[in-house]
Structure formats: structure tokens, C-alpha cells
PDB file of N, CA and C in Angstrom:
ATOM      1  N   UNK A   1      87.389 269.705  96.027  1.00  0.00           N
ATOM      2  CA  UNK A   1      86.091 269.556  95.783  1.00  0.00           C
ATOM      3  C   UNK A   1      84.924 270.374  96.194  1.00  0.00           C
ATOM      4  N   UNK A   2      83.876 270.629  95.290  1.00  0.00           N
ATOM      5  CA  UNK A   2      83.190 271.665  95.328  1.00  0.00           C
ATOM      6  C   UNK A   2      81.966 270.691  96.477  1.00  0.00           C
ATOM      7  N   UNK A   3      81.332 271.979  97.151  1.00  0.00           N
ATOM      8  CA  UNK A   3      80.671 271.577  97.961  1.00  0.00           C
ATOM      9  C   UNK A   3      79.283 271.160  97.223  1.00  0.00           C
ATOM     10  N   UNK A   4      78.812 270.333  97.466  1.00  0.00           N
ATOM     11  CA  UNK A   4      77.727 269.771  96.421  1.00  0.00           C
ATOM     12  C   UNK A   4      76.246 270.307  96.703  1.00  0.00           C
ATOM     13  N   UNK A   5      76.229 270.842  98.443  1.00  0.00           N
ATOM     14  CA  UNK A   5      75.435 271.398  98.949  1.00  0.00           C
ATOM     15  C   UNK A   5      75.084 272.744  98.386  1.00  0.00           C
ATOM     16  N   UNK A   6      75.960 273.350  97.641  1.00  0.00           N
ATOM     17  CA  UNK A   6      75.500 274.696  97.263  1.00  0.00           C
ATOM     18  C   UNK A   6      74.993 274.667  95.947  1.00  0.00           C
ATOM     19  N   UNK A   7      74.086 275.119  95.320  1.00  0.00           N
ATOM     20  CA  UNK A   7      73.807 275.275  93.964  1.00  0.00           C
ATOM     21  C   UNK A   7      74.516 276.091  92.700  1.00  0.00           C
ATOM     22  N   UNK A   8      74.646 275.884  91.544  1.00  0.00           N
ATOM     23  CA  UNK A   8      75.648 276.605  91.076  1.00  0.00           C
ATOM     24  C   UNK A   8      74.728 277.621  90.239  1.00  0.00           C
ATOM     25  N   UNK A   9      73.288 277.294  90.101  1.00  0.00           N
ATOM     26  CA  UNK A   9      72.325 277.950  89.331  1.00  0.00           C
ATOM     27  C   UNK A   9      71.390 279.138  90.078  1.00  0.00           C
ATOM     28  N   UNK A  10      71.183 279.887  89.771  1.00  0.00           N
ATOM     29  CA  UNK A  10      69.779 280.486  90.766  1.00  0.00           C
ATOM     30  C   UNK A  10      68.825 280.794  89.659  1.00  0.00           C
ATOM     31  N   UNK A  11      67.361 280.987  90.186  1.00  0.00           N
ATOM     32  CA  UNK A  11      66.358 281.196  89.272  1.00  0.00           C
ATOM     33  C   UNK A  11      66.718 282.650  88.761  1.00  0.00           C
ATOM     34  N   UNK A  12      66.017 282.692  87.406  1.00  0.00           N
ATOM     35  CA  UNK A  12      66.553 283.830  86.388  1.00  0.00           C
ATOM     36  C   UNK A  12      67.408 283.733  86.117  1.00  0.00           C
ATOM     37  N   UNK A  13      68.316 283.013  86.157  1.00  0.00           N
ATOM     38  CA  UNK A  13      69.846 282.837  85.293  1.00  0.00           C
ATOM     39  C   UNK A  13      69.428 282.123  83.840  1.00  0.00           C
ATOM     40  N   UNK A  14      70.256 282.738  83.106  1.00  0.00           N
ATOM     41  CA  UNK A  14      70.164 282.065  81.494  1.00  0.00           C
ATOM     42  C   UNK A  14      71.513 281.067  81.496  1.00  0.00           C
ATOM     43  N   UNK A  15      71.065 279.955  80.923  1.00  0.00           N
ATOM     44  CA  UNK A  15      72.066 278.895  81.094  1.00  0.00           C
ATOM     45  C   UNK A  15      71.770 278.173  79.637  1.00  0.00           C
ATOM     46  N   UNK A  16      72.776 277.295  79.275  1.00  0.00           N
ATOM     47  CA  UNK A  16      72.814 276.693  78.005  1.00  0.00           C
ATOM     48  C   UNK A  16      72.703 274.979  78.408  1.00  0.00           C
ATOM     49  N   UNK A  17      71.654 274.661  77.566  1.00  0.00           N
ATOM     50  CA  UNK A  17      71.464 273.015  78.080  1.00  0.00           C
ATOM     51  C   UNK A  17      72.544 272.403  76.758  1.00  0.00           C
ATOM     52  N   UNK A  18      73.693 271.359  77.479  1.00  0.00           N
ATOM     53  CA  UNK A  18      74.703 270.988  76.980  1.00  0.00           C
ATOM     54  C   UNK A  18      74.591 270.372  75.330  1.00  0.00           C
ATOM     55  N   UNK A  19      73.824 269.350  75.464  1.00  0.00           N
ATOM     56  CA  UNK A  19      73.428 268.703  74.184  1.00  0.00           C
ATOM     57  C   UNK A  19      72.927 269.233  73.219  1.00  0.00           C
ATOM     58  N   UNK A  20      71.854 270.371  73.545  1.00  0.00           N
ATOM     59  CA  UNK A  20      71.255 270.783  72.277  1.00  0.00           C
ATOM     60  C   UNK A  20      71.847 272.404  71.959  1.00  0.00           C
ATOM     61  N   UNK A  21      72.603 272.810  72.724  1.00  0.00           N
ATOM     62  CA  UNK A  21      73.208 274.427  73.083  1.00  0.00           C
ATOM     63  C   UNK A  21      72.075 274.877  72.996  1.00  0.00           C
ATOM     64  N   UNK A  22      70.982 275.098  73.326  1.00  0.00           N
ATOM     65  CA  UNK A  22      70.115 276.202  73.777  1.00  0.00           C
ATOM     66  C   UNK A  22      69.821 276.868  75.041  1.00  0.00           C
ATOM     67  N   UNK A  23      69.782 278.237  74.589  1.00  0.00           N
ATOM     68  CA  UNK A  23      69.777 279.088  75.966  1.00  0.00           C
ATOM     69  C   UNK A  23      68.366 279.066  76.465  1.00  0.00           C
ATOM     70  N   UNK A  24      68.377 278.816  77.537  1.00  0.00           N
ATOM     71  CA  UNK A  24      66.971 278.602  78.527  1.00  0.00           C
ATOM     72  C   UNK A  24      67.254 279.524  79.721  1.00  0.00           C
ATOM     73  N   UNK A  25      66.142 279.754  80.530  1.00  0.00           N
ATOM     74  CA  UNK A  25      66.116 280.741  81.770  1.00  0.00           C
ATOM     75  C   UNK A  25      65.638 279.649  83.245  1.00  0.00           C
ATOM     76  N   UNK A  26      66.648 279.521  84.300  1.00  0.00           N
ATOM     77  CA  UNK A  26      66.180 278.575  85.439  1.00  0.00           C
ATOM     78  C   UNK A  26      65.311 279.176  85.666  1.00  0.00           C
ATOM     79  N   UNK A  27      63.787 277.805  85.777  1.00  0.00           N
ATOM     80  CA  UNK A  27      62.749 278.708  86.579  1.00  0.00           C
ATOM     81  C   UNK A  27      62.752 278.561  88.058  1.00  0.00           C
ATOM     82  N   UNK A  28      63.146 277.035  88.642  1.00  0.00           N
ATOM     83  CA  UNK A  28      63.439 276.637  89.964  1.00  0.00           C
ATOM     84  C   UNK A  28      64.562 275.768  90.038  1.00  0.00           C
ATOM     85  N   UNK A  29      65.103 275.409  91.367  1.00  0.00           N
ATOM     86  CA  UNK A  29      66.215 274.523  91.388  1.00  0.00           C
ATOM     87  C   UNK A  29      65.362 273.644  92.618  1.00  0.00           C
ATOM     88  N   UNK A  30      65.964 272.436  92.594  1.00  0.00           N
ATOM     89  CA  UNK A  30      65.348 271.579  94.340  1.00  0.00           C
ATOM     90  C   UNK A  30      66.575 270.580  94.146  1.00  0.00           C
ATOM     91  N   UNK A  31      66.978 270.504  95.414  1.00  0.00           N
ATOM     92  CA  UNK A  31      67.815 269.606  95.965  1.00  0.00           C
ATOM     93  C   UNK A  31      67.262 268.581  96.068  1.00  0.00           C
ATOM     94  N   UNK A  32      68.066 267.553  95.530  1.00  0.00           N
ATOM     95  CA  UNK A  32      67.406 266.058  95.457  1.00  0.00           C
ATOM     96  C   UNK A  32      68.241 265.258  96.527  1.00  0.00           C
ATOM     97  N   UNK A  33      67.926 265.063  97.697  1.00  0.00           N
ATOM     98  CA  UNK A  33      68.745 264.752  98.879  1.00  0.00           C
ATOM     99  C   UNK A  33      69.525 262.985  98.520  1.00  0.00           C
ATOM    100  N   UNK A  34      68.653 262.212  97.819  1.00  0.00           N
ATOM    101  CA  UNK A  34      69.120 260.815  97.828  1.00  0.00           C
ATOM    102  C   UNK A  34      70.134 260.693  96.962  1.00  0.00           C
ATOM    103  N   UNK A  35      70.353 261.982  95.855  1.00  0.00           N
ATOM    104  CA  UNK A  35      71.075 261.658  95.110  1.00  0.00           C
ATOM    105  C   UNK A  35      72.549 262.833  95.507  1.00  0.00           C
ATOM    106  N   UNK A  36      72.181 263.588  96.248  1.00  0.00           N
ATOM    107  CA  UNK A  36      72.774 264.788  96.642  1.00  0.00           C
ATOM    108  C   UNK A  36      73.539 265.522  95.597  1.00  0.00           C
ATOM    109  N   UNK A  37      72.154 266.411  94.968  1.00  0.00           N
ATOM    110  CA  UNK A  37      72.739 267.211  93.958  1.00  0.00           C
ATOM    111  C   UNK A  37      71.272 267.912  93.559  1.00  0.00           C
ATOM    112  N   UNK A  38      71.631 269.142  92.854  1.00  0.00           N
ATOM    113  CA  UNK A  38      70.570 269.791  92.580  1.00  0.00           C
ATOM    114  C   UNK A  38      69.935 269.748  91.504  1.00  0.00           C
ATOM    115  N   UNK A  39      68.438 269.530  91.125  1.00  0.00           N
ATOM    116  CA  UNK A  39      67.898 269.622  89.621  1.00  0.00           C
ATOM    117  C   UNK A  39      67.426 271.088  89.475  1.00  0.00           C
ATOM    118  N   UNK A  40      67.309 271.181  88.215  1.00  0.00           N
ATOM    119  CA  UNK A  40      66.649 272.693  87.737  1.00  0.00           C
ATOM    120  C   UNK A  40      65.563 272.451  86.466  1.00  0.00           C
ATOM    121  N   UNK A  41      64.547 272.930  86.550  1.00  0.00           N
ATOM    122  CA  UNK A  41      63.546 272.902  85.760  1.00  0.00           C
ATOM    123  C   UNK A  41      63.555 274.603  85.026  1.00  0.00           C
ATOM    124  N   UNK A  42      63.398 274.525  83.788  1.00  0.00           N
ATOM    125  CA  UNK A  42      64.010 275.479  82.748  1.00  0.00           C
ATOM    126  C   UNK A  42      62.616 276.344  82.032  1.00  0.00           C
ATOM    127  N   UNK A  43      62.140 277.399  81.673  1.00  0.00           N
ATOM    128  CA  UNK A  43      61.178 277.747  80.853  1.00  0.00           C
ATOM    129  C   UNK A  43      60.670 277.051  79.787  1.00  0.00           C
ATOM    130  N   UNK A  44      61.575 276.413  78.898  1.00  0.00           N
ATOM    131  CA  UNK A  44      61.143 276.061  77.547  1.00  0.00           C
ATOM    132  C   UNK A  44      60.930 274.957  77.942  1.00  0.00           C
ATOM    133  N   UNK A  45      61.372 274.022  78.927  1.00  0.00           N
ATOM    134  CA  UNK A  45      60.649 272.654  79.427  1.00  0.00           C
ATOM    135  C   UNK A  45      60.480 272.507  80.579  1.00  0.00           C
ATOM    136  N   UNK A  46      59.368 273.278  80.974  1.00  0.00           N
ATOM    137  CA  UNK A  46      58.812 273.051  82.414  1.00  0.00           C
ATOM    138  C   UNK A  46      58.802 271.905  83.073  1.00  0.00           C
ATOM    139  N   UNK A  47      58.480 270.813  82.316  1.00  0.00           N
ATOM    140  CA  UNK A  47      58.178 269.456  82.854  1.00  0.00           C
ATOM    141  C   UNK A  47      59.220 268.811  82.518  1.00  0.00           C
ATOM    142  N   UNK A  48      60.474 269.330  82.343  1.00  0.00           N
ATOM    143  CA  UNK A  48      61.540 268.236  82.562  1.00  0.00           C
ATOM    144  C   UNK A  48      62.528 268.798  83.367  1.00  0.00           C
ATOM    145  N   UNK A  49      63.488 268.199  84.243  1.00  0.00           N
ATOM    146  CA  UNK A  49      64.216 268.635  85.111  1.00  0.00           C
ATOM    147  C   UNK A  49      65.691 268.079  84.293  1.00  0.00           C
ATOM    148  N   UNK A  50      66.436 269.063  84.653  1.00  0.00           N
ATOM    149  CA  UNK A  50      68.132 269.150  84.483  1.00  0.00           C
ATOM    150  C   UNK A  50      68.964 269.025  85.614  1.00  0.00           C
ATOM    151  N   UNK A  51      69.987 268.330  85.684  1.00  0.00           N
ATOM    152  CA  UNK A  51      71.068 268.351  86.562  1.00  0.00           C
ATOM    153  C   UNK A  51      72.163 269.406  86.362  1.00  0.00           C
ATOM    154  N   UNK A  52      72.962 269.334  87.239  1.00  0.00           N
ATOM    155  CA  UNK A  52      74.156 270.822  86.866  1.00  0.00           C
ATOM    156  C   UNK A  52      74.937 270.523  85.734  1.00  0.00           C
ATOM    157  N   UNK A  53      75.306 269.183  85.682  1.00  0.00           N
ATOM    158  CA  UNK A  53      75.949 268.959  84.423  1.00  0.00           C
ATOM    159  C   UNK A  53      75.540 268.816  83.289  1.00  0.00           C
ATOM    160  N   UNK A  54      74.327 268.680  83.221  1.00  0.00           N
ATOM    161  CA  UNK A  54      73.528 268.883  81.994  1.00  0.00           C
ATOM    162  C   UNK A  54      73.422 270.519  81.369  1.00  0.00           C
ATOM    163  N   UNK A  55      73.967 271.397  82.216  1.00  0.00           N
ATOM    164  CA  UNK A  55      73.741 272.783  82.089  1.00  0.00           C
ATOM    165  C   UNK A  55      75.244 273.707  82.005  1.00  0.00           C
ATOM    166  N   UNK A  56      75.288 274.551  81.153  1.00  0.00           N
ATOM    167  CA  UNK A  56      76.516 275.443  80.904  1.00  0.00           C
ATOM    168  C   UNK A  56      76.037 276.407  81.555  1.00  0.00           C
ATOM    169  N   UNK A  57      77.074 277.287  82.184  1.00  0.00           N
ATOM    170  CA  UNK A  57      76.834 278.915  82.794  1.00  0.00           C
ATOM    171  C   UNK A  57      77.214 279.484  81.521  1.00  0.00           C
ATOM    172  N   UNK A  58      76.510 280.864  81.333  1.00  0.00           N
ATOM    173  CA  UNK A  58      76.608 281.770  80.065  1.00  0.00           C
ATOM    174  C   UNK A  58      77.735 282.793  80.554  1.00  0.00           C
ATOM    175  N   UNK A  59      78.635 282.644  79.645  1.00  0.00           N
ATOM    176  CA  UNK A  59      79.723 283.857  79.963  1.00  0.00           C
ATOM    177  C   UNK A  59      79.589 285.190  78.882  1.00  0.00           C
TER     178      UNK A  59
END
């Protein structure tokens, strides 16, 4: 099982939003302690946060 305290995405990385298939760039990440996972804000939607399972790596 993956160590949840290690983030998958870093600032400046281009990722895809799963539901819309949009390419976006990670602005920043934040570890949400009570949920034990990272949230990410992206360039196109800076007031919305996404969790890792909502984003996909670019290959």
C-alpha cells in the first residue's frame, strides 16, 4: 500500500482532471491531516481544490 503522507503531484506539474479531461498545472498542495490525504489547487480553478484521486499524471 502507498504511503499516504507522500504527495504524488508537485507544484508546476501538468496533470489532467479526471472528470473533465482538462489539462491543468498544480499551483500548490496541502496535506489535510484529518482526512490523511493531499489536496491540490490548480491554475485554471484556483478557488477549487482537488484530491489525488481526482487528478491523473500526464504521460
